[in-house]
Amino acid sequence: MAQVWLKASSADLSLSFLHEQVQPQQMSNSSSISHFLLLALADTRQLQLLHFCLLLGISLAALLGNGLIISAVACGQHLHTPMFFFLLNLALTDLGSICTTVPKAMHNSLWDTSTISYTGCAAQVFFFIFFVSAELSLLTIMSYDRYVSICKPLRYGTLLGSRACAHMAAAAWASAFLYSLLHTTNTFCLPLCHGNALGQFYCEVPQILKLSCSNSYLRELGLIAISASFALGCFMFIVFSYVQIFRAVLRISSEQGRHKAFSTCLPHLAVVSLFVGTIIFSYLKPPSISSPSLDLAVSVLYSVVPPALNPLIYSLRNQELKAAVWRLMTGCFQEH
């Protein structure tokens, strides 16, 4: 009996030791995800095809509008000014952001799928954060450009020379790259064990954090809080700039001068309100009003709609840009 009890005890100890060795391996396997499941834009096949057509139309409008702005500014010598230089950079961010999220959503709607690979999701997170943060920085710089142009016109050439504009644009792109790299690396280093379904039609950091099973996600939440504070700071800087701008514009005696000043400021203010406002609402809205349909609608507002609307907003009141785009289009038609 003693020998049997010793054998049973040794067997229990062996099983216990084996369980302790296998458990970490099981945890690591549970956190290794090869793909994610994205949120479907519609449940029925007819609505999926309708969403595909809508996304295709928005994408073509964004490509055409931003492409015309880039070509007009690059080819028009009289548009080689700081305002249009930053507008060209803004058009590049719009093209990049819509080309990051929409093609995959269109593919999923057309082929009735919802999957995206792990590496594809990481790339989507990196490039989307990169272009969105660069756009926020450029919008802030553009508000400074309008402030100097209207409030300090005599110092415009000194404060916003070609070298200063190039340095500011380079700083916006470089900081966006480093910020995106930090966010992406920090997010995809987290162990994920709560499935692979994301409640969004593209890969978004807050949705990925919901899948984390480690307290390390608090570090990423802290980074998101710092990001929200930075975005709010940029928004407050833009608001302060435009308060000073409107005060200066109202002191202009000439009605034509006021109209010209407003024609260059109002499009930028409209773009800022649409872009920054929806982002702040998306991340700071109270949980009580949060729902999948509302989150989806808000994300479409700041990730899909602005790249298509921005060229239209900027070209409606800017006569110089409209004339340059018209000359570009008529020149292309005459050549053909």
Protein backbone atom coordinates (compact mmCIF):
# COMPACT_ATOMS: atom_id res chain seq x y z
CA MET A 1 0.00 0.00 0.00
CA ALA A 2 2.83 2.37 0.81
CA GLN A 3 4.43 1.71 -2.56
CA VAL A 4 1.10 2.34 -4.35
CA TRP A 5 0.60 5.59 -2.40
CA LEU A 6 4.13 6.74 -3.28
CA LYS A 7 3.57 5.97 -6.95
CA ALA A 8 0.24 7.85 -6.94
CA SER A 9 1.83 10.83 -5.19
CA SER A 10 4.68 10.93 -7.67
CA ALA A 11 2.20 10.73 -10.54
CA ASP A 12 0.22 13.64 -9.09
CA LEU A 13 3.38 15.68 -8.75
CA SER A 14 4.32 14.90 -12.34
CA LEU A 15 0.89 15.93 -13.62
CA SER A 16 1.03 19.11 -11.56
CA PHE A 17 4.48 19.97 -12.92
CA LEU A 18 3.31 19.22 -16.48
CA HIS A 19 0.26 21.46 -15.99
CA GLU A 20 2.46 24.31 -14.81
CA GLN A 21 4.65 23.91 -17.89
CA VAL A 22 1.77 23.73 -20.36
CA GLN A 23 -0.31 26.61 -18.96
CA PRO A 24 2.03 29.46 -20.06
CA GLN A 25 2.23 27.91 -23.53
CA GLN A 26 -1.56 27.85 -23.69
CA MET A 27 -1.68 31.51 -22.65
CA SER A 28 0.83 32.49 -25.30
CA ASN A 29 -1.10 30.59 -27.94
CA SER A 30 -4.33 32.28 -26.91
CA SER A 31 -2.73 35.69 -27.35
CA SER A 32 -1.26 34.92 -30.79
CA ILE A 33 -3.82 36.16 -33.33
CA SER A 34 -3.34 35.72 -37.05
CA HIS A 35 -6.24 37.93 -38.12
CA PHE A 36 -8.96 40.26 -36.81
CA LEU A 37 -12.67 40.45 -37.57
CA LEU A 38 -13.86 43.90 -38.58
CA LEU A 39 -17.34 45.27 -38.05
CA ALA A 40 -19.57 44.76 -41.08
CA LEU A 41 -21.12 47.94 -42.46
CA ALA A 42 -24.39 46.12 -43.22
CA ASP A 43 -26.08 42.79 -42.60
CA THR A 44 -27.78 42.20 -45.94
CA ARG A 45 -26.09 41.68 -49.30
CA GLN A 46 -28.00 44.54 -50.94
CA LEU A 47 -26.88 47.04 -48.29
CA GLN A 48 -23.31 45.77 -48.54
CA LEU A 49 -23.28 46.50 -52.27
CA LEU A 50 -24.87 49.90 -51.61
CA HIS A 51 -22.13 50.73 -49.10
CA PHE A 52 -19.52 49.60 -51.62
CA CYS A 53 -20.92 52.02 -54.21
CA LEU A 54 -21.07 54.87 -51.68
CA LEU A 55 -17.49 54.26 -50.55
CA LEU A 56 -16.36 54.04 -54.16
CA GLY A 57 -18.00 57.37 -54.96
CA ILE A 58 -16.49 59.07 -51.89
CA SER A 59 -13.05 57.65 -52.69
CA LEU A 60 -13.17 58.84 -56.29
CA ALA A 61 -14.31 62.30 -55.17
CA ALA A 62 -11.45 62.47 -52.64
CA LEU A 63 -8.87 61.29 -55.18
CA LEU A 64 -10.10 63.73 -57.83
CA GLY A 65 -10.46 66.74 -55.53
CA ASN A 66 -7.19 66.34 -53.66
CA GLY A 67 -5.36 65.35 -56.83
CA LEU A 68 -6.53 68.56 -58.53
CA ILE A 69 -5.41 70.67 -55.57
CA ILE A 70 -1.98 69.05 -55.49
CA SER A 71 -1.54 69.45 -59.25
CA ALA A 72 -2.83 73.04 -59.30
CA VAL A 73 -0.56 74.16 -56.45
CA ALA A 74 2.46 72.32 -57.83
CA CYS A 75 2.00 73.67 -61.38
CA GLY A 76 0.81 77.20 -60.57
CA GLN A 77 3.74 79.51 -59.90
CA HIS A 78 1.48 82.18 -58.38
CA LEU A 79 0.25 79.62 -55.81
CA HIS A 80 3.72 79.01 -54.38
CA THR A 81 2.83 80.77 -51.13
CA PRO A 82 2.81 79.44 -47.53
CA MET A 83 -0.99 79.07 -47.47
CA PHE A 84 -1.11 76.92 -50.59
CA PHE A 85 2.06 75.04 -49.63
CA PHE A 86 0.38 73.87 -46.42
CA LEU A 87 -2.83 73.18 -48.35
CA LEU A 88 -0.85 70.87 -50.64
CA ASN A 89 0.46 69.00 -47.60
CA LEU A 90 -3.06 68.81 -46.19
CA ALA A 91 -4.30 67.28 -49.45
CA LEU A 92 -1.56 64.64 -49.18
CA THR A 93 -2.73 63.69 -45.67
CA ASP A 94 -6.33 63.45 -46.91
CA LEU A 95 -5.31 61.12 -49.72
CA GLY A 96 -3.24 59.00 -47.36
CA SER A 97 -5.94 58.66 -44.70
CA ILE A 98 -8.74 57.65 -47.08
CA CYS A 99 -6.46 55.20 -48.91
CA THR A 100 -5.65 53.57 -45.56
CA THR A 101 -9.16 52.69 -44.37
CA VAL A 102 -11.60 52.74 -47.28
CA PRO A 103 -10.10 50.17 -49.71
CA LYS A 104 -10.29 47.37 -47.14
CA ALA A 105 -13.85 48.33 -46.19
CA MET A 106 -14.79 48.31 -49.88
CA HIS A 107 -13.17 44.89 -50.33
CA ASN A 108 -15.05 43.46 -47.38
CA SER A 109 -18.38 44.88 -48.55
CA LEU A 110 -17.91 43.63 -52.11
CA TRP A 111 -16.77 40.10 -51.22
CA ASP A 112 -18.91 39.73 -48.05
CA THR A 113 -15.94 39.20 -45.73
CA SER A 114 -14.84 40.85 -42.51
CA THR A 115 -11.28 39.66 -41.92
CA ILE A 116 -8.00 41.57 -41.94
CA SER A 117 -4.60 40.03 -41.28
CA TYR A 118 -2.59 40.86 -38.14
CA THR A 119 0.11 42.62 -40.15
CA GLY A 120 -2.50 44.39 -42.26
CA CYS A 121 -4.20 45.64 -39.11
CA ALA A 122 -0.90 46.88 -37.69
CA ALA A 123 -0.12 48.68 -40.96
CA GLN A 124 -3.59 50.24 -41.01
CA VAL A 125 -3.20 51.51 -37.44
CA PHE A 126 0.23 52.96 -38.18
CA PHE A 127 -0.67 54.78 -41.38
CA PHE A 128 -4.04 56.05 -40.13
CA ILE A 129 -2.52 57.54 -36.96
CA PHE A 130 0.35 58.91 -39.04
CA PHE A 131 -1.88 60.77 -41.53
CA VAL A 132 -4.45 61.92 -38.95
CA SER A 133 -1.85 63.32 -36.55
CA ALA A 134 -0.01 64.99 -39.46
CA GLU A 135 -3.31 66.56 -40.57
CA LEU A 136 -3.97 67.90 -37.07
CA SER A 137 -0.51 69.45 -36.93
CA LEU A 138 -0.91 70.98 -40.39
CA LEU A 139 -4.31 72.46 -39.51
CA THR A 140 -2.72 74.07 -36.46
CA ILE A 141 0.14 75.46 -38.56
CA MET A 142 -2.36 76.78 -41.12
CA SER A 143 -4.20 78.68 -38.39
CA TYR A 144 -0.88 80.27 -37.42
CA ASP A 145 -0.32 81.16 -41.07
CA ARG A 146 -3.70 82.92 -41.25
CA TYR A 147 -3.02 84.68 -37.93
CA VAL A 148 0.32 86.07 -39.11
CA SER A 149 -1.12 87.00 -42.51
CA ILE A 150 -3.97 89.07 -41.08
CA CYS A 151 -2.74 90.23 -37.67
CA LYS A 152 0.96 90.72 -38.46
CA PRO A 153 1.14 91.30 -42.24
CA LEU A 154 4.37 93.31 -42.08
CA ARG A 155 6.21 90.35 -40.50
CA TYR A 156 4.67 87.70 -42.74
CA GLY A 157 7.72 87.30 -44.97
CA THR A 158 10.01 87.02 -41.94
CA LEU A 159 7.94 84.62 -39.83
CA LEU A 160 6.75 82.45 -42.73
CA GLY A 161 9.58 82.40 -45.23
CA SER A 162 10.18 79.41 -47.47
CA ARG A 163 12.69 77.87 -45.07
CA ALA A 164 10.42 78.35 -42.05
CA CYS A 165 7.48 76.76 -43.91
CA ALA A 166 9.62 73.79 -44.95
CA HIS A 167 10.81 73.32 -41.37
CA MET A 168 7.27 73.46 -39.96
CA ALA A 169 5.96 70.98 -42.54
CA ALA A 170 8.90 68.64 -41.92
CA ALA A 171 8.31 68.87 -38.16
CA ALA A 172 4.64 67.99 -38.65
CA TRP A 173 5.44 64.90 -40.76
CA ALA A 174 8.35 63.76 -38.55
CA SER A 175 6.43 64.13 -35.28
CA ALA A 176 3.47 62.28 -36.81
CA PHE A 177 5.77 59.42 -37.86
CA LEU A 178 7.34 59.08 -34.39
CA TYR A 179 3.98 59.39 -32.65
CA SER A 180 2.42 56.75 -34.92
CA LEU A 181 5.35 54.40 -34.46
CA LEU A 182 5.11 54.73 -30.67
CA HIS A 183 1.35 54.14 -30.66
CA THR A 184 1.48 51.14 -32.99
CA THR A 185 4.40 49.45 -31.24
CA ASN A 186 2.88 49.96 -27.81
CA THR A 187 -0.52 48.64 -28.93
CA PHE A 188 0.63 45.49 -30.73
CA CYS A 189 3.04 44.50 -27.97
CA LEU A 190 0.06 43.85 -25.70
CA PRO A 191 -1.13 40.24 -25.22
CA LEU A 192 -4.61 39.80 -26.67
CA CYS A 193 -6.85 37.08 -25.25
CA HIS A 194 -10.41 38.43 -25.49
CA GLY A 195 -11.06 37.21 -29.01
CA ASN A 196 -10.26 38.94 -32.29
CA ALA A 197 -13.49 40.82 -33.10
CA LEU A 198 -13.15 44.60 -33.46
CA GLY A 199 -16.21 46.83 -33.12
CA GLN A 200 -15.12 49.09 -35.98
CA PHE A 201 -14.90 48.85 -39.79
CA TYR A 202 -11.13 49.51 -39.63
CA CYS A 203 -8.42 48.75 -37.09
CA GLU A 204 -8.60 51.32 -34.30
CA VAL A 205 -6.46 51.46 -31.16
CA PRO A 206 -9.32 51.71 -28.58
CA GLN A 207 -10.99 48.62 -30.10
CA ILE A 208 -7.74 46.64 -29.97
CA LEU A 209 -7.21 47.64 -26.32
CA LYS A 210 -10.55 46.04 -25.46
CA LEU A 211 -9.04 42.67 -26.46
CA SER A 212 -6.07 43.01 -24.13
CA CYS A 213 -5.78 40.73 -21.11
CA SER A 214 -2.89 42.56 -19.46
CA ASN A 215 -2.69 45.59 -17.21
CA SER A 216 -0.15 46.96 -19.68
CA TYR A 217 -3.02 48.47 -21.62
CA LEU A 218 -3.13 51.20 -18.97
CA ARG A 219 0.11 52.52 -20.45
CA GLU A 220 -1.53 52.83 -23.85
CA LEU A 221 -4.59 54.47 -22.29
CA GLY A 222 -2.25 57.00 -20.73
CA LEU A 223 -0.75 57.65 -24.16
CA ILE A 224 -4.25 58.13 -25.58
CA ALA A 225 -5.03 60.60 -22.79
CA ILE A 226 -1.87 62.55 -23.64
CA SER A 227 -2.89 62.46 -27.31
CA ALA A 228 -6.36 63.78 -26.49
CA SER A 229 -4.80 66.57 -24.44
CA PHE A 230 -2.52 67.44 -27.35
CA ALA A 231 -5.46 67.48 -29.77
CA LEU A 232 -7.43 69.67 -27.37
CA GLY A 233 -4.42 71.98 -27.05
CA CYS A 234 -4.19 72.28 -30.84
CA PHE A 235 -7.90 73.02 -31.00
CA MET A 236 -7.60 75.73 -28.32
CA PHE A 237 -4.65 77.27 -30.18
CA ILE A 238 -6.72 77.36 -33.37
CA VAL A 239 -9.68 78.92 -31.53
CA PHE A 240 -7.42 81.55 -29.93
CA SER A 241 -5.87 82.34 -33.32
CA TYR A 242 -9.26 82.84 -34.92
CA VAL A 243 -10.50 85.04 -32.10
CA GLN A 244 -7.56 87.34 -32.82
CA ILE A 245 -8.16 87.04 -36.57
CA PHE A 246 -11.84 87.98 -36.35
CA ARG A 247 -11.05 90.92 -34.11
CA ALA A 248 -8.53 92.16 -36.69
CA VAL A 249 -10.89 91.54 -39.61
CA LEU A 250 -13.73 93.49 -38.01
CA ARG A 251 -11.41 96.48 -37.72
CA ILE A 252 -10.82 96.50 -41.49
CA SER A 253 -12.69 99.49 -42.93
CA SER A 254 -12.93 98.16 -46.48
CA GLU A 255 -15.76 95.72 -47.16
CA GLN A 256 -13.71 94.14 -49.94
CA GLY A 257 -10.81 93.61 -47.53
CA ARG A 258 -13.07 91.94 -44.99
CA HIS A 259 -14.54 89.69 -47.68
CA LYS A 260 -11.08 88.64 -48.86
CA ALA A 261 -9.94 87.89 -45.30
CA PHE A 262 -13.03 85.82 -44.56
CA SER A 263 -12.68 83.95 -47.86
CA THR A 264 -9.28 82.60 -46.77
CA CYS A 265 -10.23 81.91 -43.14
CA LEU A 266 -13.71 80.39 -43.23
CA PRO A 267 -12.79 77.28 -45.28
CA HIS A 268 -9.99 76.42 -42.86
CA LEU A 269 -12.26 76.99 -39.87
CA ALA A 270 -14.93 74.73 -41.42
CA VAL A 271 -12.39 71.94 -41.97
CA VAL A 272 -11.10 72.28 -38.42
CA SER A 273 -14.60 72.16 -36.96
CA LEU A 274 -15.50 69.02 -38.91
CA PHE A 275 -12.23 67.18 -38.34
CA VAL A 276 -11.21 68.11 -34.80
CA GLY A 277 -14.77 68.33 -33.51
CA THR A 278 -15.67 64.78 -34.54
CA ILE A 279 -12.40 63.37 -33.15
CA ILE A 280 -12.87 65.06 -29.77
CA PHE A 281 -16.50 63.91 -29.64
CA SER A 282 -15.49 60.37 -30.59
CA TYR A 283 -12.98 60.01 -27.75
CA LEU A 284 -14.60 62.18 -25.07
CA LYS A 285 -18.30 61.36 -25.48
CA PRO A 286 -19.95 59.96 -22.32
CA PRO A 287 -20.39 56.17 -22.20
CA SER A 288 -24.11 56.60 -21.62
CA ILE A 289 -24.70 57.70 -25.22
CA SER A 290 -22.17 55.32 -26.76
CA SER A 291 -23.48 52.65 -29.14
CA PRO A 292 -22.03 50.66 -32.06
CA SER A 293 -24.10 52.57 -34.62
CA LEU A 294 -23.11 55.97 -33.17
CA ASP A 295 -19.44 54.98 -32.98
CA LEU A 296 -19.57 53.82 -36.60
CA ALA A 297 -21.23 57.04 -37.77
CA VAL A 298 -18.74 59.25 -35.92
CA SER A 299 -15.75 57.30 -37.22
CA VAL A 300 -17.04 57.66 -40.78
CA LEU A 301 -17.38 61.42 -40.21
CA TYR A 302 -13.71 61.92 -39.34
CA SER A 303 -12.05 59.15 -41.37
CA VAL A 304 -13.99 59.02 -44.66
CA VAL A 305 -15.96 62.23 -45.17
CA PRO A 306 -13.29 64.96 -44.60
CA PRO A 307 -10.90 63.84 -47.38
CA ALA A 308 -13.75 64.16 -49.87
CA LEU A 309 -15.21 67.41 -48.48
CA ASN A 310 -12.00 69.33 -47.79
CA PRO A 311 -11.18 70.08 -51.46
CA LEU A 312 -14.75 71.29 -52.02
CA ILE A 313 -14.68 73.49 -48.90
CA TYR A 314 -11.35 75.08 -49.82
CA SER A 315 -12.27 75.71 -53.44
CA LEU A 316 -15.73 77.22 -52.84
CA ARG A 317 -14.56 80.61 -51.55
CA ASN A 318 -10.95 80.75 -52.76
CA GLN A 319 -11.01 82.41 -56.16
CA GLU A 320 -7.30 81.87 -56.81
CA LEU A 321 -7.57 78.14 -56.23
CA LYS A 322 -10.72 77.83 -58.33
CA ALA A 323 -9.06 79.68 -61.21
CA ALA A 324 -5.94 77.51 -60.98
CA VAL A 325 -7.97 74.29 -60.94
CA TRP A 326 -10.06 75.51 -63.89
CA ARG A 327 -6.95 76.37 -65.90
CA LEU A 328 -5.51 72.96 -65.08
CA MET A 329 -8.65 71.13 -66.18
CA THR A 330 -9.18 73.14 -69.37
CA GLY A 331 -5.50 72.76 -70.24
CA CYS A 332 -5.74 68.99 -69.90
CA PHE A 333 -8.89 68.88 -72.03
CA GLN A 334 -7.31 71.06 -74.73
CA GLU A 335 -4.27 68.80 -74.90
CA HIS A 336 -6.52 65.82 -75.51
